[in-house]
Protein backbone atom coordinates (compact mmCIF):
# COMPACT_ATOMS: atom_id res chain seq x y z
CA MET A 1 -23.40 -21.59 9.53
CA PRO A 2 -25.38 -21.80 12.74
CA GLY A 3 -23.67 -20.26 15.75
CA LYS A 4 -21.11 -18.35 13.68
CA ARG A 5 -21.64 -14.65 13.30
CA LYS A 6 -19.58 -12.26 11.25
CA PRO A 7 -17.86 -9.67 13.42
CA ASN A 8 -19.28 -6.18 13.06
CA LEU A 9 -17.22 -3.31 11.65
CA ASP A 10 -16.26 -1.99 15.08
CA ALA A 11 -14.93 -5.39 16.12
CA LYS A 12 -12.96 -5.67 12.87
CA ALA A 13 -11.53 -2.17 13.32
CA ALA A 14 -10.56 -2.92 16.92
CA ALA A 15 -8.77 -6.11 15.85
CA LEU A 16 -7.02 -4.32 13.00
CA SER A 17 -5.81 -1.57 15.31
CA LYS A 18 -3.54 -4.12 17.02
CA TYR A 19 -1.89 -5.30 13.78
CA THR A 20 1.79 -4.64 13.23
CA LEU A 21 3.30 -3.62 9.91
CA GLN A 22 4.17 -7.23 9.10
CA ASP A 23 0.63 -8.37 9.97
CA ILE A 24 -0.80 -5.78 7.60
CA LEU A 25 1.53 -6.72 4.74
CA LYS A 26 0.38 -10.34 5.10
CA LEU A 27 -3.34 -9.53 4.96
CA LYS A 28 -5.00 -11.19 1.97
CA PHE A 29 -7.71 -9.94 -0.30
CA THR A 30 -10.72 -12.23 -0.40
CA LYS A 31 -11.02 -14.88 -3.07
CA ASP A 32 -14.06 -12.93 -4.34
CA ASP A 33 -11.98 -9.80 -5.06
CA GLN A 34 -12.21 -9.15 -8.79
CA PHE A 35 -8.66 -7.85 -9.30
CA ARG A 36 -6.50 -9.24 -6.45
CA PRO A 37 -8.08 -12.52 -5.31
CA GLY A 38 -6.02 -14.18 -2.60
CA LYS A 39 -3.04 -11.82 -2.95
CA THR A 40 -1.42 -10.34 0.11
CA ILE A 41 -1.21 -6.57 0.37
CA GLN A 42 2.57 -6.79 0.02
CA LYS A 43 2.40 -8.90 -3.16
CA TRP A 44 -0.24 -6.64 -4.68
CA ILE A 45 1.90 -3.56 -4.01
CA LYS A 46 5.07 -5.12 -5.41
CA ASP A 47 3.42 -6.76 -8.45
CA THR A 48 0.87 -4.14 -9.48
CA VAL A 49 0.98 -0.81 -7.66
CA ALA A 50 4.75 -0.15 -7.54
CA PRO A 51 5.28 -0.86 -11.26
CA GLN A 52 2.51 1.61 -12.12
CA LEU A 53 4.09 4.34 -9.99
CA LYS A 54 7.55 3.51 -11.37
CA GLN A 55 6.26 3.83 -14.93
CA TYR A 56 4.87 7.25 -14.09
CA ILE A 57 7.88 8.68 -12.27
CA THR A 58 10.34 7.39 -14.85
CA SER A 59 8.25 8.68 -17.74
CA GLU A 60 9.79 11.12 -20.18
CA GLU A 61 7.45 13.90 -19.06
CA VAL A 62 8.33 13.59 -15.37
CA MET A 63 12.06 13.12 -16.01
CA LYS A 64 12.07 16.25 -18.19
CA LYS A 65 10.55 18.29 -15.36
CA VAL A 66 13.10 16.92 -12.91
CA THR A 67 16.15 17.51 -15.11
CA ASP A 68 15.12 20.68 -16.97
CA GLY A 69 12.97 22.28 -14.31
CA GLY A 70 15.26 21.71 -11.37
CA PHE A 71 12.56 19.87 -9.47
CA SER A 72 13.37 17.16 -6.96
CA LEU A 73 11.33 14.00 -7.01
CA GLN A 74 9.71 12.25 -4.09
CA ALA A 75 7.27 9.41 -4.62
CA HIS A 76 5.20 7.62 -2.01
CA LEU A 77 2.61 4.89 -2.13
CA VAL A 78 -0.08 5.62 0.43
CA ILE A 79 -2.59 2.88 1.18
CA VAL A 80 -5.36 3.12 3.73
CA VAL A 81 -5.96 -0.24 5.40
CA GLY A 82 -9.35 -0.39 7.06
CA SER A 83 -10.00 2.71 9.10
CA ARG A 84 -7.05 2.27 11.44
CA HIS A 85 -3.82 2.20 9.44
CA ILE A 86 -2.12 4.20 6.75
CA LEU A 87 0.68 2.29 5.04
CA ILE A 88 3.37 4.41 3.37
CA TRP A 89 6.01 2.97 1.09
CA ASP A 90 8.55 5.37 -0.37
CA MET A 91 9.99 5.02 -3.84
CA ASP A 92 13.38 6.35 -4.88
CA CYS A 93 13.99 8.45 -8.01
CA ASN A 94 14.85 5.28 -9.98
CA GLY A 95 11.40 3.86 -9.30
CA ASP A 96 12.51 1.28 -6.75
CA LEU A 97 10.65 0.79 -3.49
CA VAL A 98 12.73 1.42 -0.40
CA GLU A 99 13.34 -1.71 1.61
CA GLU A 100 10.53 -1.36 4.15
CA PRO A 101 7.26 0.55 4.28
CA TYR A 102 6.06 2.18 7.48
CA LEU A 103 2.80 2.95 9.18
CA ALA A 104 1.79 6.57 9.65
CA MET A 105 1.17 7.35 13.27
CA SER A 106 -2.40 8.01 14.20
CA SER A 107 -3.62 10.01 17.13
């Protein structure tokens, strides 16, 4: 389109640096994305990523190590969004996401 230029990576990163947690959760993958077209980050995490982690942490192998080995279990989803944000969403020992994720603080 004449007169419309795509923002460069620095401009995108600067814009993203101002996003809040809720803004980030509402970001959508492009329609061209092969695996998550049009999904928000939040929906993708809840529908795809969290169930995978839950399946792993509730597996027989992991549960055996926790119960027999005396280990404690902590699970976290860590997602890097652009180059400016790290989204962390904790999961309890039952494989349920805690209510709200948080953004890691950057320096």
